[in-house]
Amino acid sequence: MSEREARRALIRQVLVAEHVASQDQLLRHLQGHGVTTTQATLSRDLRDMGITRSMTARGPRYEVDLRGRYM
């Protein structure tokens, strides 16, 4: 698995398990798992993975479309 594939798998795992409201918060989660990346790369990953940010009762949240193109 490439570094990019591993990072994207971790992003998906974190977003399914946690309520993540911002890219900064997601970056901290990734750093906690030993993955260092830039905000620009993270933004590109989210776009390419089809991750959306929507408003919930608990505030904004990044959401993974479990039927989406990136599994």
PDB file of N, CA and C in Angstrom:
ATOM      1  N   MET A   1       0.856  -1.176   0.000  1.00  0.00           N
ATOM      2  CA  MET A   1       0.000   0.000   0.000  1.00  0.00           C
ATOM      3  C   MET A   1       0.902   1.238   0.000  1.00  0.00           C
ATOM      4  N   SER A   2       0.616   2.165  -0.879  1.00  0.00           N
ATOM      5  CA  SER A   2       1.409   3.392  -0.958  1.00  0.00           C
ATOM      6  C   SER A   2       1.095   4.299   0.232  1.00  0.00           C
ATOM      7  N   GLU A   3       1.956   5.296   0.426  1.00  0.00           N
ATOM      8  CA  GLU A   3       1.744   6.272   1.500  1.00  0.00           C
ATOM      9  C   GLU A   3       0.403   6.981   1.322  1.00  0.00           C
ATOM     10  N   ARG A   4       0.081   7.345   0.091  1.00  0.00           N
ATOM     11  CA  ARG A   4      -1.182   8.029  -0.189  1.00  0.00           C
ATOM     12  C   ARG A   4      -2.373   7.118   0.120  1.00  0.00           C
ATOM     13  N   GLU A   5      -2.305   5.876  -0.299  1.00  0.00           N
ATOM     14  CA  GLU A   5      -3.398   4.940  -0.026  1.00  0.00           C
ATOM     15  C   GLU A   5      -3.579   4.722   1.470  1.00  0.00           C
ATOM     16  N   ALA A   6      -2.464   4.596   2.189  1.00  0.00           N
ATOM     17  CA  ALA A   6      -2.532   4.404   3.642  1.00  0.00           C
ATOM     18  C   ALA A   6      -3.128   5.629   4.324  1.00  0.00           C
ATOM     19  N   ARG A   7      -2.710   6.830   3.877  1.00  0.00           N
ATOM     20  CA  ARG A   7      -3.246   8.071   4.457  1.00  0.00           C
ATOM     21  C   ARG A   7      -4.749   8.173   4.208  1.00  0.00           C
ATOM     22  N   ARG A   8      -5.161   7.869   2.988  1.00  0.00           N
ATOM     23  CA  ARG A   8      -6.588   7.955   2.669  1.00  0.00           C
ATOM     24  C   ARG A   8      -7.407   6.906   3.414  1.00  0.00           C
ATOM     25  N   ALA A   9      -6.852   5.738   3.614  1.00  0.00           N
ATOM     26  CA  ALA A   9      -7.554   4.714   4.401  1.00  0.00           C
ATOM     27  C   ALA A   9      -7.724   5.192   5.839  1.00  0.00           C
ATOM     28  N   LEU A  10      -6.696   5.831   6.388  1.00  0.00           N
ATOM     29  CA  LEU A  10      -6.783   6.355   7.753  1.00  0.00           C
ATOM     30  C   LEU A  10      -7.790   7.505   7.835  1.00  0.00           C
ATOM     31  N   ILE A  11      -7.792   8.373   6.837  1.00  0.00           N
ATOM     32  CA  ILE A  11      -8.775   9.465   6.806  1.00  0.00           C
ATOM     33  C   ILE A  11     -10.184   8.884   6.857  1.00  0.00           C
ATOM     34  N   ARG A  12     -10.433   7.899   6.019  1.00  0.00           N
ATOM     35  CA  ARG A  12     -11.761   7.270   5.988  1.00  0.00           C
ATOM     36  C   ARG A  12     -12.104   6.655   7.342  1.00  0.00           C
ATOM     37  N   GLN A  13     -11.158   5.944   7.919  1.00  0.00           N
ATOM     38  CA  GLN A  13     -11.373   5.297   9.214  1.00  0.00           C
ATOM     39  C   GLN A  13     -11.704   6.327  10.291  1.00  0.00           C
ATOM     40  N   VAL A  14     -10.959   7.418  10.342  1.00  0.00           N
ATOM     41  CA  VAL A  14     -11.191   8.459  11.346  1.00  0.00           C
ATOM     42  C   VAL A  14     -12.561   9.101  11.142  1.00  0.00           C
ATOM     43  N   LEU A  15     -12.896   9.420   9.897  1.00  0.00           N
ATOM     44  CA  LEU A  15     -14.166  10.115   9.645  1.00  0.00           C
ATOM     45  C   LEU A  15     -15.382   9.236   9.908  1.00  0.00           C
ATOM     46  N   VAL A  16     -15.248   7.937   9.734  1.00  0.00           N
ATOM     47  CA  VAL A  16     -16.359   7.034  10.041  1.00  0.00           C
ATOM     48  C   VAL A  16     -16.537   6.907  11.559  1.00  0.00           C
ATOM     49  N   ALA A  17     -15.421   6.923  12.293  1.00  0.00           N
ATOM     50  CA  ALA A  17     -15.464   6.679  13.736  1.00  0.00           C
ATOM     51  C   ALA A  17     -15.667   7.932  14.584  1.00  0.00           C
ATOM     52  N   GLU A  18     -15.247   9.097  14.091  1.00  0.00           N
ATOM     53  CA  GLU A  18     -15.234  10.312  14.900  1.00  0.00           C
ATOM     54  C   GLU A  18     -16.068  11.425  14.267  1.00  0.00           C
ATOM     55  N   HIS A  19     -16.524  12.345  15.097  1.00  0.00           N
ATOM     56  CA  HIS A  19     -17.174  13.560  14.616  1.00  0.00           C
ATOM     57  C   HIS A  19     -16.057  14.575  14.378  1.00  0.00           C
ATOM     58  N   VAL A  20     -15.718  14.808  13.127  1.00  0.00           N
ATOM     59  CA  VAL A  20     -14.634  15.721  12.767  1.00  0.00           C
ATOM     60  C   VAL A  20     -15.248  16.929  12.063  1.00  0.00           C
ATOM     61  N   ALA A  21     -15.031  18.108  12.640  1.00  0.00           N
ATOM     62  CA  ALA A  21     -15.685  19.319  12.146  1.00  0.00           C
ATOM     63  C   ALA A  21     -14.804  20.168  11.241  1.00  0.00           C
ATOM     64  N   SER A  22     -13.475  19.988  11.317  1.00  0.00           N
ATOM     65  CA  SER A  22     -12.586  20.857  10.545  1.00  0.00           C
ATOM     66  C   SER A  22     -11.385  20.085  10.027  1.00  0.00           C
ATOM     67  N   GLN A  23     -10.749  20.651   9.014  1.00  0.00           N
ATOM     68  CA  GLN A  23      -9.538  20.034   8.491  1.00  0.00           C
ATOM     69  C   GLN A  23      -8.432  20.069   9.537  1.00  0.00           C
ATOM     70  N   ASP A  24      -8.362  21.118  10.320  1.00  0.00           N
ATOM     71  CA  ASP A  24      -7.362  21.207  11.377  1.00  0.00           C
ATOM     72  C   ASP A  24      -7.534  20.065  12.386  1.00  0.00           C
ATOM     73  N   GLN A  25      -8.767  19.798  12.747  1.00  0.00           N
ATOM     74  CA  GLN A  25      -9.060  18.702  13.672  1.00  0.00           C
ATOM     75  C   GLN A  25      -8.657  17.365  13.045  1.00  0.00           C
ATOM     76  N   LEU A  26      -8.942  17.194  11.766  1.00  0.00           N
ATOM     77  CA  LEU A  26      -8.573  15.964  11.077  1.00  0.00           C
ATOM     78  C   LEU A  26      -7.053  15.829  10.994  1.00  0.00           C
ATOM     79  N   LEU A  27      -6.351  16.925  10.734  1.00  0.00           N
ATOM     80  CA  LEU A  27      -4.881  16.891  10.718  1.00  0.00           C
ATOM     81  C   LEU A  27      -4.327  16.421  12.060  1.00  0.00           C
ATOM     82  N   ARG A  28      -4.915  16.897  13.151  1.00  0.00           N
ATOM     83  CA  ARG A  28      -4.463  16.471  14.487  1.00  0.00           C
ATOM     84  C   ARG A  28      -4.710  14.983  14.706  1.00  0.00           C
ATOM     85  N   HIS A  29      -5.845  14.474  14.228  1.00  0.00           N
ATOM     86  CA  HIS A  29      -6.119  13.040  14.329  1.00  0.00           C
ATOM     87  C   HIS A  29      -5.061  12.252  13.564  1.00  0.00           C
ATOM     88  N   LEU A  30      -4.757  12.698  12.352  1.00  0.00           N
ATOM     89  CA  LEU A  30      -3.757  12.008  11.538  1.00  0.00           C
ATOM     90  C   LEU A  30      -2.394  12.046  12.217  1.00  0.00           C
ATOM     91  N   GLN A  31      -2.013  13.195  12.754  1.00  0.00           N
ATOM     92  CA  GLN A  31      -0.736  13.310  13.453  1.00  0.00           C
ATOM     93  C   GLN A  31      -0.680  12.376  14.654  1.00  0.00           C
ATOM     94  N   GLY A  32      -1.812  12.202  15.327  1.00  0.00           N
ATOM     95  CA  GLY A  32      -1.889  11.276  16.454  1.00  0.00           C
ATOM     96  C   GLY A  32      -1.647   9.837  16.051  1.00  0.00           C
ATOM     97  N   HIS A  33      -1.864   9.547  14.783  1.00  0.00           N
ATOM     98  CA  HIS A  33      -1.608   8.208  14.242  1.00  0.00           C
ATOM     99  C   HIS A  33      -0.268   8.154  13.498  1.00  0.00           C
ATOM    100  N   GLY A  34       0.548   9.204  13.657  1.00  0.00           N
ATOM    101  CA  GLY A  34       1.867   9.218  13.055  1.00  0.00           C
ATOM    102  C   GLY A  34       1.924   9.626  11.601  1.00  0.00           C
ATOM    103  N   VAL A  35       0.836  10.205  11.083  1.00  0.00           N
ATOM    104  CA  VAL A  35       0.789  10.628   9.684  1.00  0.00           C
ATOM    105  C   VAL A  35       0.886  12.151   9.628  1.00  0.00           C
ATOM    106  N   THR A  36       1.928  12.635   8.964  1.00  0.00           N
ATOM    107  CA  THR A  36       2.114  14.075   8.796  1.00  0.00           C
ATOM    108  C   THR A  36       1.829  14.432   7.345  1.00  0.00           C
ATOM    109  N   THR A  37       0.992  15.437   7.142  1.00  0.00           N
ATOM    110  CA  THR A  37       0.660  15.895   5.793  1.00  0.00           C
ATOM    111  C   THR A  37       0.354  17.381   5.847  1.00  0.00           C
ATOM    112  N   THR A  38       0.201  17.982   4.714  1.00  0.00           N
ATOM    113  CA  THR A  38      -0.129  19.407   4.658  1.00  0.00           C
ATOM    114  C   THR A  38      -1.640  19.582   4.516  1.00  0.00           C
ATOM    115  N   GLN A  39      -2.113  20.787   4.803  1.00  0.00           N
ATOM    116  CA  GLN A  39      -3.531  21.090   4.647  1.00  0.00           C
ATOM    117  C   GLN A  39      -3.927  20.981   3.187  1.00  0.00           C
ATOM    118  N   ALA A  40      -3.045  21.392   2.278  1.00  0.00           N
ATOM    119  CA  ALA A  40      -3.351  21.323   0.843  1.00  0.00           C
ATOM    120  C   ALA A  40      -3.535  19.871   0.395  1.00  0.00           C
ATOM    121  N   THR A  41      -2.669  18.985   0.854  1.00  0.00           N
ATOM    122  CA  THR A  41      -2.791  17.567   0.510  1.00  0.00           C
ATOM    123  C   THR A  41      -4.057  16.990   1.112  1.00  0.00           C
ATOM    124  N   LEU A  42      -4.351  17.335   2.354  1.00  0.00           N
ATOM    125  CA  LEU A  42      -5.568  16.854   3.004  1.00  0.00           C
ATOM    126  C   LEU A  42      -6.801  17.326   2.246  1.00  0.00           C
ATOM    127  N   SER A  43      -6.816  18.582   1.855  1.00  0.00           N
ATOM    128  CA  SER A  43      -7.939  19.134   1.108  1.00  0.00           C
ATOM    129  C   SER A  43      -8.136  18.371  -0.207  1.00  0.00           C
ATOM    130  N   ARG A  44      -7.044  18.088  -0.901  1.00  0.00           N
ATOM    131  CA  ARG A  44      -7.100  17.339  -2.164  1.00  0.00           C
ATOM    132  C   ARG A  44      -7.621  15.912  -1.916  1.00  0.00           C
ATOM    133  N   ASP A  45      -7.134  15.287  -0.843  1.00  0.00           N
ATOM    134  CA  ASP A  45      -7.603  13.939  -0.500  1.00  0.00           C
ATOM    135  C   ASP A  45      -9.114  13.943  -0.278  1.00  0.00           C
ATOM    136  N   LEU A  46      -9.598  14.897   0.513  1.00  0.00           N
ATOM    137  CA  LEU A  46     -11.029  14.961   0.809  1.00  0.00           C
ATOM    138  C   LEU A  46     -11.847  15.135  -0.466  1.00  0.00           C
ATOM    139  N   ARG A  47     -11.379  16.022  -1.347  1.00  0.00           N
ATOM    140  CA  ARG A  47     -12.080  16.248  -2.613  1.00  0.00           C
ATOM    141  C   ARG A  47     -12.075  14.973  -3.465  1.00  0.00           C
ATOM    142  N   ASP A  48     -10.912  14.367  -3.627  1.00  0.00           N
ATOM    143  CA  ASP A  48     -10.790  13.178  -4.462  1.00  0.00           C
ATOM    144  C   ASP A  48     -11.576  11.988  -3.911  1.00  0.00           C
ATOM    145  N   MET A  49     -11.710  11.929  -2.588  1.00  0.00           N
ATOM    146  CA  MET A  49     -12.429  10.829  -1.943  1.00  0.00           C
ATOM    147  C   MET A  49     -13.933  11.058  -1.907  1.00  0.00           C
ATOM    148  N   GLY A  50     -14.385  12.233  -2.323  1.00  0.00           N
ATOM    149  CA  GLY A  50     -15.810  12.536  -2.313  1.00  0.00           C
ATOM    150  C   GLY A  50     -16.349  12.805  -0.917  1.00  0.00           C
ATOM    151  N   ILE A  51     -15.478  13.222  -0.008  1.00  0.00           N
ATOM    152  CA  ILE A  51     -15.884  13.531   1.364  1.00  0.00           C
ATOM    153  C   ILE A  51     -16.619  14.872   1.351  1.00  0.00           C
ATOM    154  N   THR A  52     -17.738  14.925   2.041  1.00  0.00           N
ATOM    155  CA  THR A  52     -18.511  16.162   2.107  1.00  0.00           C
ATOM    156  C   THR A  52     -18.547  16.665   3.548  1.00  0.00           C
ATOM    157  N   ARG A  53     -18.791  17.939   3.686  1.00  0.00           N
ATOM    158  CA  ARG A  53     -18.934  18.546   5.012  1.00  0.00           C
ATOM    159  C   ARG A  53     -20.357  19.061   5.102  1.00  0.00           C
ATOM    160  N   SER A  54     -21.082  18.552   6.075  1.00  0.00           N
ATOM    161  CA  SER A  54     -22.478  18.957   6.205  1.00  0.00           C
ATOM    162  C   SER A  54     -22.775  19.370   7.638  1.00  0.00           C
ATOM    163  N   MET A  55     -23.887  20.056   7.798  1.00  0.00           N
ATOM    164  CA  MET A  55     -24.310  20.525   9.106  1.00  0.00           C
ATOM    165  C   MET A  55     -25.156  19.439   9.773  1.00  0.00           C
ATOM    166  N   THR A  56     -24.818  19.131  11.017  1.00  0.00           N
ATOM    167  CA  THR A  56     -25.581  18.169  11.802  1.00  0.00           C
ATOM    168  C   THR A  56     -26.062  18.866  13.070  1.00  0.00           C
ATOM    169  N   ALA A  57     -26.813  18.163  13.873  1.00  0.00           N
ATOM    170  CA  ALA A  57     -27.290  18.725  15.139  1.00  0.00           C
ATOM    171  C   ALA A  57     -26.118  19.085  16.063  1.00  0.00           C
ATOM    172  N   ARG A  58     -24.984  18.404  15.897  1.00  0.00           N
ATOM    173  CA  ARG A  58     -23.786  18.672  16.710  1.00  0.00           C
ATOM    174  C   ARG A  58     -22.848  19.671  16.040  1.00  0.00           C
ATOM    175  N   GLY A  59     -23.248  20.228  14.914  1.00  0.00           N
ATOM    176  CA  GLY A  59     -22.403  21.179  14.191  1.00  0.00           C
ATOM    177  C   GLY A  59     -21.876  20.555  12.907  1.00  0.00           C
ATOM    178  N   PRO A  60     -20.938  21.244  12.248  1.00  0.00           N
ATOM    179  CA  PRO A  60     -20.422  20.731  10.975  1.00  0.00           C
ATOM    180  C   PRO A  60     -19.677  19.413  11.165  1.00  0.00           C
ATOM    181  N   ARG A  61     -19.714  18.593  10.123  1.00  0.00           N
ATOM    182  CA  ARG A  61     -19.057  17.287  10.192  1.00  0.00           C
ATOM    183  C   ARG A  61     -18.673  16.836   8.794  1.00  0.00           C
ATOM    184  N   TYR A  62     -17.465  16.294   8.675  1.00  0.00           N
ATOM    185  CA  TYR A  62     -17.059  15.651   7.426  1.00  0.00           C
ATOM    186  C   TYR A  62     -17.675  14.269   7.401  1.00  0.00           C
ATOM    187  N   GLU A  63     -18.252  13.904   6.258  1.00  0.00           N
ATOM    188  CA  GLU A  63     -18.949  12.622   6.140  1.00  0.00           C
ATOM    189  C   GLU A  63     -18.444  11.837   4.943  1.00  0.00           C
ATOM    190  N   VAL A  64     -18.306  10.546   5.163  1.00  0.00           N
ATOM    191  CA  VAL A  64     -17.894   9.618   4.120  1.00  0.00           C
ATOM    192  C   VAL A  64     -19.147   8.980   3.543  1.00  0.00           C
ATOM    193  N   ASP A  65     -19.262   9.007   2.236  1.00  0.00           N
ATOM    194  CA  ASP A  65     -20.361   8.295   1.571  1.00  0.00           C
ATOM    195  C   ASP A  65     -19.929   6.837   1.487  1.00  0.00           C
ATOM    196  N   LEU A  66     -20.501   5.997   2.327  1.00  0.00           N
ATOM    197  CA  LEU A  66     -20.087   4.595   2.394  1.00  0.00           C
ATOM    198  C   LEU A  66     -20.388   3.846   1.094  1.00  0.00           C
ATOM    199  N   ARG A  67     -21.204   4.430   0.237  1.00  0.00           N
ATOM    200  CA  ARG A  67     -21.473   3.837  -1.068  1.00  0.00           C
ATOM    201  C   ARG A  67     -20.578   4.475  -2.131  1.00  0.00           C
ATOM    202  N   GLY A  68     -19.727   5.403  -1.701  1.00  0.00           N
ATOM    203  CA  GLY A  68     -18.935   6.238  -2.601  1.00  0.00           C
ATOM    204  C   GLY A  68     -17.851   5.512  -3.376  1.00  0.00           C
ATOM    205  N   ARG A  69     -17.147   6.305  -4.130  1.00  0.00           N
ATOM    206  CA  ARG A  69     -16.145   5.769  -5.052  1.00  0.00           C
ATOM    207  C   ARG A  69     -14.865   5.338  -4.371  1.00  0.00           C
ATOM    208  N   TYR A  70     -14.605   5.835  -3.164  1.00  0.00           N
ATOM    209  CA  TYR A  70     -13.381   5.468  -2.476  1.00  0.00           C
ATOM    210  C   TYR A  70     -13.708   4.568  -1.300  1.00  0.00           C
ATOM    211  N   MET A  71     -13.357   3.349  -1.401  1.00  0.00           N
ATOM    212  CA  MET A  71     -13.648   2.412  -0.321  1.00  0.00           C
ATOM    213  C   MET A  71     -12.394   1.928   0.284  1.00  0.00           C
TER     214      MET A  71
END
